[in-house]
C-alpha atoms as a PDB file:
ATOM      1  CA  MET A   1     -44.493 -19.517  17.032  1.00  0.00           C
ATOM      2  CA  GLU A   2     -44.117 -21.903  20.054  1.00  0.00           C
ATOM      3  CA  LYS A   3     -40.491 -22.744  20.870  1.00  0.00           C
ATOM      4  CA  SER A   4     -41.624 -26.034  22.428  1.00  0.00           C
ATOM      5  CA  PRO A   5     -44.573 -27.555  20.525  1.00  0.00           C
ATOM      6  CA  TYR A   6     -47.075 -29.633  22.336  1.00  0.00           C
ATOM      7  CA  GLN A   7     -45.666 -33.153  22.761  1.00  0.00           C
ATOM      8  CA  GLY A   8     -48.831 -35.055  23.423  1.00  0.00           C
ATOM      9  CA  LYS A   9     -50.310 -37.785  21.108  1.00  0.00           C
ATOM     10  CA  ILE A  10     -53.436 -35.707  20.330  1.00  0.00           C
ATOM     11  CA  LYS A  11     -53.348 -33.419  17.221  1.00  0.00           C
ATOM     12  CA  ILE A  12     -54.378 -29.883  17.793  1.00  0.00           C
ATOM     13  CA  PHE A  13     -56.476 -28.216  15.001  1.00  0.00           C
ATOM     14  CA  ALA A  14     -57.070 -24.427  15.051  1.00  0.00           C
ATOM     15  CA  ASP A  15     -60.746 -23.461  14.865  1.00  0.00           C
ATOM     16  CA  GLY A  16     -61.416 -20.103  13.095  1.00  0.00           C
ATOM     17  CA  ALA A  17     -61.891 -18.264   9.861  1.00  0.00           C
ATOM     18  CA  ASP A  18     -59.643 -15.198  10.219  1.00  0.00           C
ATOM     19  CA  ARG A  19     -57.207 -15.256   7.354  1.00  0.00           C
ATOM     20  CA  ALA A  20     -54.296 -13.649   9.269  1.00  0.00           C
ATOM     21  CA  SER A  21     -54.718 -15.928  12.234  1.00  0.00           C
ATOM     22  CA  ILE A  22     -54.831 -18.977  10.052  1.00  0.00           C
ATOM     23  CA  LEU A  23     -51.683 -18.069   8.278  1.00  0.00           C
ATOM     24  CA  GLU A  24     -49.888 -17.178  11.539  1.00  0.00           C
ATOM     25  CA  LEU A  25     -50.974 -20.337  13.234  1.00  0.00           C
ATOM     26  CA  ALA A  26     -49.727 -22.457  10.269  1.00  0.00           C
ATOM     27  CA  LYS A  27     -46.207 -21.476  11.367  1.00  0.00           C
ATOM     28  CA  ASN A  28     -46.873 -22.856  14.870  1.00  0.00           C
ATOM     29  CA  PRO A  29     -45.495 -26.514  15.148  1.00  0.00           C
ATOM     30  CA  SER A  30     -48.162 -27.276  17.721  1.00  0.00           C
ATOM     31  CA  VAL A  31     -50.969 -26.813  15.167  1.00  0.00           C
ATOM     32  CA  LYS A  32     -51.500 -29.748  12.885  1.00  0.00           C
ATOM     33  CA  GLY A  33     -54.682 -28.603  11.024  1.00  0.00           C
ATOM     34  CA  PHE A  34     -57.518 -26.201  10.675  1.00  0.00           C
ATOM     35  CA  THR A  35     -61.376 -26.287  10.862  1.00  0.00           C
ATOM     36  CA  THR A  36     -63.861 -23.621   9.803  1.00  0.00           C
ATOM     37  CA  ASN A  37     -67.605 -23.323   9.600  1.00  0.00           C
ATOM     38  CA  PRO A  38     -70.115 -20.826   8.070  1.00  0.00           C
ATOM     39  CA  SER A  39     -70.712 -19.128  11.439  1.00  0.00           C
ATOM     40  CA  LEU A  40     -66.999 -18.563  11.951  1.00  0.00           C
ATOM     41  CA  MET A  41     -66.714 -17.160   8.448  1.00  0.00           C
ATOM     42  CA  LYS A  42     -69.601 -14.776   8.957  1.00  0.00           C
ATOM     43  CA  LYS A  43     -68.024 -13.544  12.205  1.00  0.00           C
ATOM     44  CA  SER A  44     -64.757 -12.861  10.348  1.00  0.00           C
ATOM     45  CA  GLY A  45     -66.527 -10.885   7.661  1.00  0.00           C
ATOM     46  CA  VAL A  46     -66.230 -13.410   4.795  1.00  0.00           C
ATOM     47  CA  LYS A  47     -68.400 -12.300   1.834  1.00  0.00           C
ATOM     48  CA  ASP A  48     -67.332 -14.631  -0.895  1.00  0.00           C
ATOM     49  CA  TYR A  49     -67.223 -18.224   0.456  1.00  0.00           C
ATOM     50  CA  ARG A  50     -65.447 -19.845  -2.605  1.00  0.00           C
ATOM     51  CA  ALA A  51     -62.941 -17.070  -2.969  1.00  0.00           C
ATOM     52  CA  PHE A  52     -61.984 -17.076   0.622  1.00  0.00           C
ATOM     53  CA  CYS A  53     -61.482 -20.905   0.700  1.00  0.00           C
ATOM     54  CA  GLN A  54     -59.559 -21.031  -2.434  1.00  0.00           C
ATOM     55  CA  GLU A  55     -57.299 -18.149  -1.463  1.00  0.00           C
ATOM     56  CA  ILE A  56     -56.561 -19.769   1.874  1.00  0.00           C
ATOM     57  CA  LEU A  57     -55.622 -23.012   0.054  1.00  0.00           C
ATOM     58  CA  THR A  58     -52.874 -21.236  -1.794  1.00  0.00           C
ATOM     59  CA  GLN A  59     -51.166 -20.792   1.431  1.00  0.00           C
ATOM     60  CA  ILE A  60     -52.410 -23.807   3.473  1.00  0.00           C
ATOM     61  CA  THR A  61     -51.198 -26.688   1.194  1.00  0.00           C
ATOM     62  CA  SER A  62     -50.214 -29.505   3.676  1.00  0.00           C
ATOM     63  CA  HIS A  63     -52.234 -28.962   6.712  1.00  0.00           C
ATOM     64  CA  PRO A  64     -55.685 -30.800   6.691  1.00  0.00           C
ATOM     65  CA  ILE A  65     -58.360 -28.041   6.593  1.00  0.00           C
ATOM     66  CA  SER A  66     -62.228 -28.499   6.774  1.00  0.00           C
ATOM     67  CA  PHE A  67     -64.720 -26.395   4.886  1.00  0.00           C
ATOM     68  CA  GLU A  68     -68.434 -26.895   5.496  1.00  0.00           C
ATOM     69  CA  VAL A  69     -71.376 -27.234   3.034  1.00  0.00           C
ATOM     70  CA  PHE A  70     -74.134 -24.768   3.826  1.00  0.00           C
ATOM     71  CA  ALA A  71     -77.064 -26.059   1.759  1.00  0.00           C
ATOM     72  CA  ASP A  72     -80.122 -27.461   3.492  1.00  0.00           C
ATOM     73  CA  ASP A  73     -81.288 -29.757   0.569  1.00  0.00           C
ATOM     74  CA  PHE A  74     -79.310 -33.005   0.390  1.00  0.00           C
ATOM     75  CA  GLN A  75     -78.891 -32.859  -3.380  1.00  0.00           C
ATOM     76  CA  GLU A  76     -77.398 -29.423  -3.170  1.00  0.00           C
ATOM     77  CA  MET A  77     -75.283 -30.450  -0.134  1.00  0.00           C
ATOM     78  CA  HIS A  78     -73.956 -33.318  -2.346  1.00  0.00           C
ATOM     79  CA  ARG A  79     -73.111 -30.874  -5.246  1.00  0.00           C
ATOM     80  CA  GLN A  80     -71.352 -28.438  -2.817  1.00  0.00           C
ATOM     81  CA  ALA A  81     -69.443 -31.327  -1.172  1.00  0.00           C
ATOM     82  CA  LEU A  82     -68.035 -32.499  -4.450  1.00  0.00           C
ATOM     83  CA  GLU A  83     -66.959 -28.896  -5.389  1.00  0.00           C
ATOM     84  CA  ILE A  84     -65.349 -28.298  -2.017  1.00  0.00           C
ATOM     85  CA  ASN A  85     -63.485 -31.709  -2.308  1.00  0.00           C
ATOM     86  CA  SER A  86     -61.990 -30.650  -5.616  1.00  0.00           C
ATOM     87  CA  TRP A  87     -60.239 -27.662  -4.137  1.00  0.00           C
ATOM     88  CA  GLY A  88     -57.363 -29.620  -2.652  1.00  0.00           C
ATOM     89  CA  LYS A  89     -55.981 -32.912  -1.427  1.00  0.00           C
ATOM     90  CA  ASN A  90     -55.692 -31.597   2.057  1.00  0.00           C
ATOM     91  CA  VAL A  91     -59.503 -30.519   2.214  1.00  0.00           C
ATOM     92  CA  TYR A  92     -62.003 -32.304   4.312  1.00  0.00           C
ATOM     93  CA  VAL A  93     -65.699 -31.552   3.655  1.00  0.00           C
ATOM     94  CA  LYS A  94     -67.799 -30.844   6.717  1.00  0.00           C
ATOM     95  CA  ILE A  95     -71.186 -32.373   6.596  1.00  0.00           C
ATOM     96  CA  PRO A  96     -73.629 -31.820   9.534  1.00  0.00           C
ATOM     97  CA  ILE A  97     -75.264 -34.879  10.938  1.00  0.00           C
ATOM     98  CA  THR A  98     -78.663 -33.421  10.077  1.00  0.00           C
ATOM     99  CA  ASN A  99     -80.082 -30.584   8.079  1.00  0.00           C
ATOM    100  CA  SER A 100     -81.791 -27.622   9.764  1.00  0.00           C
ATOM    101  CA  LYS A 101     -85.109 -29.605   9.455  1.00  0.00           C
ATOM    102  CA  GLY A 102     -83.642 -32.390  11.637  1.00  0.00           C
ATOM    103  CA  GLN A 103     -83.476 -34.881   8.628  1.00  0.00           C
ATOM    104  CA  SER A 104     -80.582 -37.259   8.895  1.00  0.00           C
ATOM    105  CA  SER A 105     -77.521 -36.711   6.612  1.00  0.00           C
ATOM    106  CA  ILE A 106     -76.378 -40.397   7.076  1.00  0.00           C
ATOM    107  CA  GLU A 107     -77.110 -41.574   3.528  1.00  0.00           C
ATOM    108  CA  LEU A 108     -75.310 -38.578   2.027  1.00  0.00           C
ATOM    109  CA  ILE A 109     -72.423 -39.101   4.414  1.00  0.00           C
ATOM    110  CA  ARG A 110     -72.142 -42.786   3.404  1.00  0.00           C
ATOM    111  CA  SER A 111     -72.375 -41.967  -0.280  1.00  0.00           C
ATOM    112  CA  LEU A 112     -69.695 -39.301  -0.199  1.00  0.00           C
ATOM    113  CA  SER A 113     -67.297 -41.305   2.036  1.00  0.00           C
ATOM    114  CA  HIS A 114     -67.471 -44.280  -0.340  1.00  0.00           C
ATOM    115  CA  ALA A 115     -66.939 -42.004  -3.372  1.00  0.00           C
ATOM    116  CA  ASN A 116     -63.530 -41.216  -1.808  1.00  0.00           C
ATOM    117  CA  VAL A 117     -64.446 -37.712  -0.361  1.00  0.00           C
ATOM    118  CA  LYS A 118     -62.685 -37.047   2.950  1.00  0.00           C
ATOM    119  CA  LEU A 119     -65.362 -36.007   5.454  1.00  0.00           C
ATOM    120  CA  ASN A 120     -65.574 -34.144   8.749  1.00  0.00           C
ATOM    121  CA  VAL A 121     -68.911 -35.166  10.150  1.00  0.00           C
ATOM    122  CA  THR A 122     -69.999 -32.335  12.430  1.00  0.00           C
ATOM    123  CA  ALA A 123     -72.491 -31.393  15.189  1.00  0.00           C
ATOM    124  CA  LEU A 124     -72.533 -34.793  16.749  1.00  0.00           C
ATOM    125  CA  PHE A 125     -73.870 -34.949  20.349  1.00  0.00           C
ATOM    126  CA  THR A 126     -75.313 -38.389  20.981  1.00  0.00           C
ATOM    127  CA  TRP A 127     -74.118 -41.899  21.245  1.00  0.00           C
ATOM    128  CA  GLU A 128     -76.633 -42.891  18.537  1.00  0.00           C
ATOM    129  CA  GLN A 129     -75.231 -40.250  16.121  1.00  0.00           C
ATOM    130  CA  ILE A 130     -71.754 -41.364  16.783  1.00  0.00           C
ATOM    131  CA  GLN A 131     -72.541 -45.011  16.128  1.00  0.00           C
ATOM    132  CA  GLU A 132     -74.366 -44.330  12.813  1.00  0.00           C
ATOM    133  CA  THR A 133     -71.694 -42.009  11.575  1.00  0.00           C
ATOM    134  CA  VAL A 134     -68.892 -44.520  12.275  1.00  0.00           C
ATOM    135  CA  LYS A 135     -70.879 -47.207  10.560  1.00  0.00           C
ATOM    136  CA  ALA A 136     -71.490 -45.022   7.525  1.00  0.00           C
ATOM    137  CA  VAL A 137     -67.837 -44.022   6.951  1.00  0.00           C
ATOM    138  CA  ALA A 138     -66.241 -47.359   7.827  1.00  0.00           C
ATOM    139  CA  GLY A 139     -64.283 -48.628   4.807  1.00  0.00           C
ATOM    140  CA  GLY A 140     -64.568 -45.264   3.041  1.00  0.00           C
ATOM    141  CA  ALA A 141     -62.230 -42.345   2.668  1.00  0.00           C
ATOM    142  CA  PRO A 142     -60.435 -40.872   5.758  1.00  0.00           C
ATOM    143  CA  SER A 143     -63.009 -39.348   8.066  1.00  0.00           C
ATOM    144  CA  VAL A 144     -63.233 -37.242  11.130  1.00  0.00           C
ATOM    145  CA  VAL A 145     -66.016 -37.716  13.566  1.00  0.00           C
ATOM    146  CA  SER A 146     -66.666 -34.311  15.375  1.00  0.00           C
ATOM    147  CA  VAL A 147     -68.336 -34.599  18.784  1.00  0.00           C
ATOM    148  CA  PHE A 148     -69.181 -31.262  20.367  1.00  0.00           C
ATOM    149  CA  ALA A 149     -67.849 -32.130  23.850  1.00  0.00           C
ATOM    150  CA  GLY A 150     -67.702 -28.541  24.957  1.00  0.00           C
ATOM    151  CA  ARG A 151     -71.352 -27.871  24.182  1.00  0.00           C
ATOM    152  CA  ILE A 152     -72.298 -31.099  25.866  1.00  0.00           C
ATOM    153  CA  ALA A 153     -70.522 -29.859  29.039  1.00  0.00           C
ATOM    154  CA  ASP A 154     -72.402 -26.570  28.753  1.00  0.00           C
ATOM    155  CA  THR A 155     -75.615 -28.543  29.462  1.00  0.00           C
ATOM    156  CA  GLY A 156     -74.184 -29.842  32.715  1.00  0.00           C
ATOM    157  CA  ARG A 157     -73.339 -33.292  31.377  1.00  0.00           C
ATOM    158  CA  ASP A 158     -69.800 -34.783  31.627  1.00  0.00           C
ATOM    159  CA  PRO A 159     -68.685 -35.493  28.010  1.00  0.00           C
ATOM    160  CA  VAL A 160     -65.798 -37.686  29.065  1.00  0.00           C
ATOM    161  CA  PRO A 161     -67.547 -41.052  29.205  1.00  0.00           C
ATOM    162  CA  LEU A 162     -69.123 -40.573  25.836  1.00  0.00           C
ATOM    163  CA  MET A 163     -65.784 -39.577  24.416  1.00  0.00           C
ATOM    164  CA  VAL A 164     -64.078 -42.659  25.822  1.00  0.00           C
ATOM    165  CA  LYS A 165     -66.676 -44.929  24.228  1.00  0.00           C
ATOM    166  CA  ALA A 166     -66.505 -43.009  20.987  1.00  0.00           C
ATOM    167  CA  ALA A 167     -62.739 -43.267  20.758  1.00  0.00           C
ATOM    168  CA  LYS A 168     -62.866 -47.026  21.427  1.00  0.00           C
ATOM    169  CA  LEU A 169     -65.428 -47.395  18.655  1.00  0.00           C
ATOM    170  CA  CYS A 170     -63.479 -45.436  16.080  1.00  0.00           C
ATOM    171  CA  ARG A 171     -60.344 -47.347  16.741  1.00  0.00           C
ATOM    172  CA  GLU A 172     -61.959 -50.779  16.693  1.00  0.00           C
ATOM    173  CA  THR A 173     -63.832 -50.023  13.454  1.00  0.00           C
ATOM    174  CA  ASP A 174     -61.400 -48.397  11.022  1.00  0.00           C
ATOM    175  CA  SER A 175     -58.062 -46.802  11.335  1.00  0.00           C
ATOM    176  CA  ASN A 176     -59.146 -44.207   8.872  1.00  0.00           C
ATOM    177  CA  ILE A 177     -61.651 -42.789  11.326  1.00  0.00           C
ATOM    178  CA  GLU A 178     -60.460 -40.136  13.680  1.00  0.00           C
ATOM    179  CA  LEU A 179     -62.442 -38.741  16.697  1.00  0.00           C
ATOM    180  CA  LEU A 180     -62.398 -35.053  17.258  1.00  0.00           C
ATOM    181  CA  TRP A 181     -63.208 -33.171  20.538  1.00  0.00           C
ATOM    182  CA  ALA A 182     -64.955 -30.051  19.297  1.00  0.00           C
ATOM    183  CA  SER A 183     -66.028 -26.802  20.925  1.00  0.00           C
ATOM    184  CA  SER A 184     -63.214 -26.574  23.516  1.00  0.00           C
ATOM    185  CA  ARG A 185     -63.786 -24.232  26.367  1.00  0.00           C
ATOM    186  CA  GLU A 186     -60.385 -24.146  28.160  1.00  0.00           C
ATOM    187  CA  PHE A 187     -56.911 -25.539  27.918  1.00  0.00           C
ATOM    188  CA  PHE A 188     -57.681 -28.491  30.307  1.00  0.00           C
ATOM    189  CA  ASN A 189     -60.013 -29.828  27.575  1.00  0.00           C
ATOM    190  CA  LEU A 190     -56.915 -30.715  25.610  1.00  0.00           C
ATOM    191  CA  ILE A 191     -55.691 -32.888  28.535  1.00  0.00           C
ATOM    192  CA  GLN A 192     -59.153 -34.526  28.802  1.00  0.00           C
ATOM    193  CA  ALA A 193     -59.404 -35.150  25.157  1.00  0.00           C
ATOM    194  CA  GLU A 194     -56.004 -36.936  25.118  1.00  0.00           C
ATOM    195  CA  LEU A 195     -56.847 -39.008  28.158  1.00  0.00           C
ATOM    196  CA  THR A 196     -60.152 -40.141  26.471  1.00  0.00           C
ATOM    197  CA  GLY A 197     -58.246 -41.339  23.471  1.00  0.00           C
ATOM    198  CA  CYS A 198     -59.339 -38.636  20.922  1.00  0.00           C
ATOM    199  CA  HIS A 199     -57.216 -38.265  17.843  1.00  0.00           C
ATOM    200  CA  ILE A 200     -57.822 -34.495  17.411  1.00  0.00           C
ATOM    201  CA  ILE A 201     -59.106 -31.553  19.432  1.00  0.00           C
ATOM    202  CA  THR A 202     -60.151 -28.172  17.956  1.00  0.00           C
ATOM    203  CA  CYS A 203     -58.869 -25.073  19.847  1.00  0.00           C
ATOM    204  CA  THR A 204     -59.325 -21.396  19.498  1.00  0.00           C
ATOM    205  CA  THR A 205     -56.251 -19.065  19.137  1.00  0.00           C
ATOM    206  CA  ASP A 206     -56.695 -18.061  22.855  1.00  0.00           C
ATOM    207  CA  ILE A 207     -56.363 -21.754  24.010  1.00  0.00           C
ATOM    208  CA  ILE A 208     -53.491 -22.523  21.682  1.00  0.00           C
ATOM    209  CA  LYS A 209     -51.642 -19.435  23.238  1.00  0.00           C
ATOM    210  CA  LYS A 210     -51.832 -21.237  26.646  1.00  0.00           C
ATOM    211  CA  ILE A 211     -49.660 -24.197  25.570  1.00  0.00           C
ATOM    212  CA  PRO A 212     -46.488 -22.680  27.142  1.00  0.00           C
ATOM    213  CA  MET A 213     -48.325 -22.699  30.471  1.00  0.00           C
ATOM    214  CA  LEU A 214     -48.403 -26.552  30.492  1.00  0.00           C
ATOM    215  CA  ASN A 215     -46.981 -27.847  33.745  1.00  0.00           C
ATOM    216  CA  LYS A 216     -45.830 -24.356  34.701  1.00  0.00           C
ATOM    217  CA  ASP A 217     -44.705 -24.090  38.373  1.00  0.00           C
ATOM    218  CA  LEU A 218     -47.774 -23.015  40.424  1.00  0.00           C
ATOM    219  CA  SER A 219     -45.827 -21.005  42.988  1.00  0.00           C
ATOM    220  CA  GLU A 220     -44.326 -19.082  40.024  1.00  0.00           C
ATOM    221  CA  LEU A 221     -47.772 -18.527  38.497  1.00  0.00           C
ATOM    222  CA  SER A 222     -49.152 -17.339  41.827  1.00  0.00           C
ATOM    223  CA  LEU A 223     -46.380 -14.729  42.139  1.00  0.00           C
ATOM    224  CA  GLU A 224     -46.973 -13.651  38.488  1.00  0.00           C
ATOM    225  CA  THR A 225     -50.663 -13.166  39.275  1.00  0.00           C
ATOM    226  CA  VAL A 226     -50.010 -11.018  42.345  1.00  0.00           C
ATOM    227  CA  LYS A 227     -47.592  -8.877  40.420  1.00  0.00           C
ATOM    228  CA  THR A 228     -50.235  -8.336  37.663  1.00  0.00           C
ATOM    229  CA  PHE A 229     -52.742  -7.170  40.361  1.00  0.00           C
ATOM    230  CA  LYS A 230     -50.131  -4.735  41.791  1.00  0.00           C
ATOM    231  CA  ALA A 231     -49.135  -3.344  38.366  1.00  0.00           C
ATOM    232  CA  ASP A 232     -52.830  -2.897  37.483  1.00  0.00           C
ATOM    233  CA  SER A 233     -53.806  -1.188  40.727  1.00  0.00           C
ATOM    234  CA  ASP A 234     -50.768   1.151  40.418  1.00  0.00           C
ATOM    235  CA  SER A 235     -51.486   2.076  36.881  1.00  0.00           C
ATOM    236  CA  ALA A 236     -55.147   2.791  37.753  1.00  0.00           C
ATOM    237  CA  GLY A 237     -54.078   5.020  40.594  1.00  0.00           C
ATOM    238  CA  PHE A 238     -56.344   3.368  43.121  1.00  0.00           C
ATOM    239  CA  LYS A 239     -56.451   4.903  46.557  1.00  0.00           C
ATOM    240  CA  LEU A 240     -58.356   4.223  49.812  1.00  0.00           C
END
């Protein structure tokens, strides 16, 4: 557990589906919520989707936590969303902006949001997707708009201007809409996300572990790095 939790305005959500890690991170005061997805669950070896989620919810009762639908048909996505929503008051239902055929989920998103289902609309990459999502959930249940800033950066594009516009749009439209910086790649993304006005950032366990390094003295860090090189070369028995 961090002795000095992150003091910034942005909320840190842990991204993963490993039961032990989730339960441990729930004790960390820097972590304000959790997100999962089917890919992370597969990687963690989850076999029974419903059983895993419901068991986690016996332990995670106050932190917001997102579970994603995995159907490709909108009628079945709607059914899954209602079931997932019934599992707990702290549950957000993740709905991808399209299905795997590229068909828009906006009508489903609008319907669920205005039926009082808390949503995490995921896999957003473009300004057009952000605009239509914000419009769809405005006036509905509390919603999270998840923009994959890290994957945008992977294409060589700077996500910051897009996130600044998105944060402004969310705040001007509805106080129940929160912008999430998704797919973080490094700790500095947390600083970027906060400066752009995002409400939430998802971070892996490895990134969360770097919180104590915030504003660390660089001369001290330099010496620690050199000491690590020396210890490793000594233990390896390197000779020239």
